[in-house]
Amino acid sequence: MDLERGWRGDASEALVAADILRNGYGVAYPHGHEQKYDLVIDVGGELLRVQVKTASDYDEYRYELEISPEKYPEGTVDIFAGAIHEEGTARYVPAHEMEKTQRVNFNPPREMPSDWHREQANLPEEFSIDEALRKIREFTES
């Protein structure tokens, strides 16, 4: 899908918001553009800040979420979300785990060329909203 640059961010935010709602959480949009986050997710009364990015096609089966860490000081974002328009889905990385680049592999493990590839692959289920929330809970409780 080739989205014009001006609409890409809006489409990505809408895709992520719909995914969050489908998973049973509330979502809100902040007013203005001064915040470091694009959405707020309501998880049982706890509010978390979500920065949305459009994931780019890395190769045939992988998508890449890339950020500039210096733009997001610690404590300004709780979750980074990558909107994957080609798959009609989103993937989530807790801010405390996000590095400059994160890749998610959509290639079915049985089609990967070796056991090493299967062991190293970042599979979609490892980056669901529920998995990201679980990791945040573990991090804050430790």
C-alpha atoms as a PDB file:
ATOM      1  CA  MET A   1       0.000   0.000   0.000  1.00  0.00           C
ATOM      2  CA  ASP A   2       1.498   3.320  -1.045  1.00  0.00           C
ATOM      3  CA  LEU A   3       0.246   6.007   1.324  1.00  0.00           C
ATOM      4  CA  GLU A   4       1.106   9.621   0.710  1.00  0.00           C
ATOM      5  CA  ARG A   5       3.506  10.856   3.365  1.00  0.00           C
ATOM      6  CA  GLY A   6       0.981  13.308   4.848  1.00  0.00           C
ATOM      7  CA  TRP A   7      -1.573  10.566   5.445  1.00  0.00           C
ATOM      8  CA  ARG A   8       0.773   7.751   6.448  1.00  0.00           C
ATOM      9  CA  GLY A   9       1.021   8.817  10.106  1.00  0.00           C
ATOM     10  CA  ASP A  10      -2.748   9.261  10.438  1.00  0.00           C
ATOM     11  CA  ALA A  11      -3.392   5.867   8.823  1.00  0.00           C
ATOM     12  CA  SER A  12      -0.829   4.222  11.112  1.00  0.00           C
ATOM     13  CA  GLU A  13      -2.384   5.756  14.228  1.00  0.00           C
ATOM     14  CA  ALA A  14      -5.838   4.575  13.119  1.00  0.00           C
ATOM     15  CA  LEU A  15      -4.565   1.049  12.455  1.00  0.00           C
ATOM     16  CA  VAL A  16      -2.878   0.845  15.880  1.00  0.00           C
ATOM     17  CA  ALA A  17      -5.920   2.350  17.661  1.00  0.00           C
ATOM     18  CA  ALA A  18      -8.199  -0.217  15.984  1.00  0.00           C
ATOM     19  CA  ASP A  19      -5.852  -3.047  16.984  1.00  0.00           C
ATOM     20  CA  ILE A  20      -5.779  -1.850  20.604  1.00  0.00           C
ATOM     21  CA  LEU A  21      -9.594  -1.640  20.677  1.00  0.00           C
ATOM     22  CA  ARG A  22      -9.917  -5.126  19.115  1.00  0.00           C
ATOM     23  CA  ASN A  23      -7.802  -6.442  21.968  1.00  0.00           C
ATOM     24  CA  GLY A  24     -10.186  -5.028  24.578  1.00  0.00           C
ATOM     25  CA  TYR A  25      -8.367  -1.889  25.740  1.00  0.00           C
ATOM     26  CA  GLY A  26      -9.468   1.724  25.668  1.00  0.00           C
ATOM     27  CA  VAL A  27      -7.626   4.228  23.534  1.00  0.00           C
ATOM     28  CA  ALA A  28      -7.535   8.037  23.458  1.00  0.00           C
ATOM     29  CA  TYR A  29      -5.855  10.640  21.295  1.00  0.00           C
ATOM     30  CA  PRO A  30      -4.023  13.551  22.938  1.00  0.00           C
ATOM     31  CA  HIS A  31      -4.731  17.042  21.600  1.00  0.00           C
ATOM     32  CA  GLY A  32      -1.910  18.874  19.868  1.00  0.00           C
ATOM     33  CA  HIS A  33       1.412  17.653  18.555  1.00  0.00           C
ATOM     34  CA  GLU A  34       3.766  18.601  21.354  1.00  0.00           C
ATOM     35  CA  GLN A  35       3.704  15.235  23.114  1.00  0.00           C
ATOM     36  CA  LYS A  36       6.227  12.493  22.395  1.00  0.00           C
ATOM     37  CA  TYR A  37       3.325  10.022  22.100  1.00  0.00           C
ATOM     38  CA  ASP A  38       0.446   9.616  19.653  1.00  0.00           C
ATOM     39  CA  LEU A  39      -2.077   7.552  21.622  1.00  0.00           C
ATOM     40  CA  VAL A  40      -2.971   6.767  25.203  1.00  0.00           C
ATOM     41  CA  ILE A  41      -4.030   3.221  26.052  1.00  0.00           C
ATOM     42  CA  ASP A  42      -6.242   2.525  29.065  1.00  0.00           C
ATOM     43  CA  VAL A  43      -5.310  -0.774  30.683  1.00  0.00           C
ATOM     44  CA  GLY A  44      -7.697  -1.265  33.584  1.00  0.00           C
ATOM     45  CA  GLY A  45      -7.409   2.371  34.634  1.00  0.00           C
ATOM     46  CA  GLU A  46      -3.648   2.620  34.086  1.00  0.00           C
ATOM     47  CA  LEU A  47      -2.787   4.998  31.245  1.00  0.00           C
ATOM     48  CA  LEU A  48       0.194   4.226  29.007  1.00  0.00           C
ATOM     49  CA  ARG A  49       1.688   6.436  26.289  1.00  0.00           C
ATOM     50  CA  VAL A  50       2.070   4.920  22.812  1.00  0.00           C
ATOM     51  CA  GLN A  51       4.330   6.288  20.074  1.00  0.00           C
ATOM     52  CA  VAL A  52       3.191   5.019  16.669  1.00  0.00           C
ATOM     53  CA  LYS A  53       5.542   4.455  13.743  1.00  0.00           C
ATOM     54  CA  THR A  54       4.909   3.039  10.303  1.00  0.00           C
ATOM     55  CA  ALA A  55       6.895  -0.172   9.982  1.00  0.00           C
ATOM     56  CA  SER A  56       8.812  -0.456   6.735  1.00  0.00           C
ATOM     57  CA  ASP A  57       9.212  -3.439   4.466  1.00  0.00           C
ATOM     58  CA  TYR A  58      12.630  -4.929   5.266  1.00  0.00           C
ATOM     59  CA  ASP A  59      12.406  -7.874   2.887  1.00  0.00           C
ATOM     60  CA  GLU A  60       9.804 -10.353   1.660  1.00  0.00           C
ATOM     61  CA  TYR A  61       8.736 -11.542   5.123  1.00  0.00           C
ATOM     62  CA  ARG A  62      10.147  -9.036   7.596  1.00  0.00           C
ATOM     63  CA  TYR A  63       9.138  -5.570   8.665  1.00  0.00           C
ATOM     64  CA  GLU A  64      11.296  -3.093  10.499  1.00  0.00           C
ATOM     65  CA  LEU A  65      10.385  -0.561  13.173  1.00  0.00           C
ATOM     66  CA  GLU A  66      12.998   2.164  13.448  1.00  0.00           C
ATOM     67  CA  ILE A  67      13.198   5.066  15.889  1.00  0.00           C
ATOM     68  CA  SER A  68      15.663   7.768  16.877  1.00  0.00           C
ATOM     69  CA  PRO A  69      16.214   7.022  20.594  1.00  0.00           C
ATOM     70  CA  GLU A  70      17.425  10.556  21.290  1.00  0.00           C
ATOM     71  CA  LYS A  71      13.948  11.888  20.409  1.00  0.00           C
ATOM     72  CA  TYR A  72      12.322   9.878  23.196  1.00  0.00           C
ATOM     73  CA  PRO A  73      13.947  10.478  26.586  1.00  0.00           C
ATOM     74  CA  GLU A  74      13.257   7.873  29.255  1.00  0.00           C
ATOM     75  CA  GLY A  75       9.800   8.302  30.755  1.00  0.00           C
ATOM     76  CA  THR A  76       8.188  10.008  27.736  1.00  0.00           C
ATOM     77  CA  VAL A  77       6.860   6.877  25.979  1.00  0.00           C
ATOM     78  CA  ASP A  78       5.762   3.523  27.417  1.00  0.00           C
ATOM     79  CA  ILE A  79       5.213   1.520  24.221  1.00  0.00           C
ATOM     80  CA  PHE A  80       6.374   1.846  20.620  1.00  0.00           C
ATOM     81  CA  ALA A  81       3.852   0.525  18.107  1.00  0.00           C
ATOM     82  CA  GLY A  82       4.671  -0.382  14.540  1.00  0.00           C
ATOM     83  CA  ALA A  83       1.780  -0.226  12.090  1.00  0.00           C
ATOM     84  CA  ILE A  84       2.213  -2.835   9.358  1.00  0.00           C
ATOM     85  CA  HIS A  85      -0.189  -1.790   6.632  1.00  0.00           C
ATOM     86  CA  GLU A  86       0.608  -4.701   4.302  1.00  0.00           C
ATOM     87  CA  GLU A  87      -0.433  -7.174   7.016  1.00  0.00           C
ATOM     88  CA  GLY A  88      -3.241  -4.989   8.437  1.00  0.00           C
ATOM     89  CA  THR A  89      -1.820  -5.339  11.929  1.00  0.00           C
ATOM     90  CA  ALA A  90       0.383  -3.702  14.529  1.00  0.00           C
ATOM     91  CA  ARG A  91       3.273  -4.902  16.672  1.00  0.00           C
ATOM     92  CA  TYR A  92       4.386  -3.485  20.014  1.00  0.00           C
ATOM     93  CA  VAL A  93       7.698  -3.063  21.827  1.00  0.00           C
ATOM     94  CA  PRO A  94       7.916  -1.789  25.420  1.00  0.00           C
ATOM     95  CA  ALA A  95      10.001   1.389  25.520  1.00  0.00           C
ATOM     96  CA  HIS A  96      12.474  -0.169  27.961  1.00  0.00           C
ATOM     97  CA  GLU A  97      13.268  -2.868  25.335  1.00  0.00           C
ATOM     98  CA  MET A  98      13.316  -0.707  22.217  1.00  0.00           C
ATOM     99  CA  GLU A  99      16.607  -0.130  20.498  1.00  0.00           C
ATOM    100  CA  LYS A 100      17.139   1.857  17.327  1.00  0.00           C
ATOM    101  CA  THR A 101      15.729  -0.923  15.135  1.00  0.00           C
ATOM    102  CA  GLN A 102      13.414  -3.855  15.762  1.00  0.00           C
ATOM    103  CA  ARG A 103      12.533  -6.408  13.084  1.00  0.00           C
ATOM    104  CA  VAL A 104       9.539  -8.765  13.087  1.00  0.00           C
ATOM    105  CA  ASN A 105       9.547 -11.830  10.850  1.00  0.00           C
ATOM    106  CA  PHE A 106       6.269 -12.936   9.260  1.00  0.00           C
ATOM    107  CA  ASN A 107       7.855 -15.924   7.519  1.00  0.00           C
ATOM    108  CA  PRO A 108       6.292 -19.126   8.912  1.00  0.00           C
ATOM    109  CA  PRO A 109       8.977 -20.978  10.957  1.00  0.00           C
ATOM    110  CA  ARG A 110       8.559 -24.145   8.866  1.00  0.00           C
ATOM    111  CA  GLU A 111       9.679 -22.124   5.817  1.00  0.00           C
ATOM    112  CA  MET A 112      12.824 -20.768   7.476  1.00  0.00           C
ATOM    113  CA  PRO A 113      16.034 -22.263   6.104  1.00  0.00           C
ATOM    114  CA  SER A 114      17.523 -23.564   9.364  1.00  0.00           C
ATOM    115  CA  ASP A 115      17.053 -24.135  13.086  1.00  0.00           C
ATOM    116  CA  TRP A 116      19.312 -21.126  13.711  1.00  0.00           C
ATOM    117  CA  HIS A 117      16.934 -18.898  11.704  1.00  0.00           C
ATOM    118  CA  ARG A 118      13.954 -20.249  13.640  1.00  0.00           C
ATOM    119  CA  GLU A 119      15.695 -19.592  16.979  1.00  0.00           C
ATOM    120  CA  GLN A 120      16.739 -16.038  16.018  1.00  0.00           C
ATOM    121  CA  ALA A 121      13.444 -14.960  14.440  1.00  0.00           C
ATOM    122  CA  ASN A 122      11.296 -12.296  16.065  1.00  0.00           C
ATOM    123  CA  LEU A 123       7.848 -13.739  15.449  1.00  0.00           C
ATOM    124  CA  PRO A 124       4.644 -11.658  15.445  1.00  0.00           C
ATOM    125  CA  GLU A 125       3.146 -13.284  18.555  1.00  0.00           C
ATOM    126  CA  GLU A 126       6.180 -12.075  20.554  1.00  0.00           C
ATOM    127  CA  PHE A 127       5.121  -8.485  19.788  1.00  0.00           C
ATOM    128  CA  SER A 128       1.386  -8.460  20.516  1.00  0.00           C
ATOM    129  CA  ILE A 129      -0.124  -5.743  22.698  1.00  0.00           C
ATOM    130  CA  ASP A 130      -0.762  -8.310  25.453  1.00  0.00           C
ATOM    131  CA  GLU A 131       2.850  -9.481  25.361  1.00  0.00           C
ATOM    132  CA  ALA A 132       4.127  -5.873  25.512  1.00  0.00           C
ATOM    133  CA  LEU A 133       1.876  -5.159  28.506  1.00  0.00           C
ATOM    134  CA  ARG A 134       3.084  -8.332  30.249  1.00  0.00           C
ATOM    135  CA  LYS A 135       6.706  -7.249  29.758  1.00  0.00           C
ATOM    136  CA  ILE A 136       5.954  -3.754  31.106  1.00  0.00           C
ATOM    137  CA  ARG A 137       4.309  -5.249  34.217  1.00  0.00           C
ATOM    138  CA  GLU A 138       7.331  -7.510  34.798  1.00  0.00           C
ATOM    139  CA  PHE A 139       9.725  -4.586  34.325  1.00  0.00           C
ATOM    140  CA  THR A 140       7.894  -2.262  36.702  1.00  0.00           C
ATOM    141  CA  GLU A 141       7.492  -4.977  39.354  1.00  0.00           C
ATOM    142  CA  SER A 142      11.197  -5.833  39.367  1.00  0.00           C
END
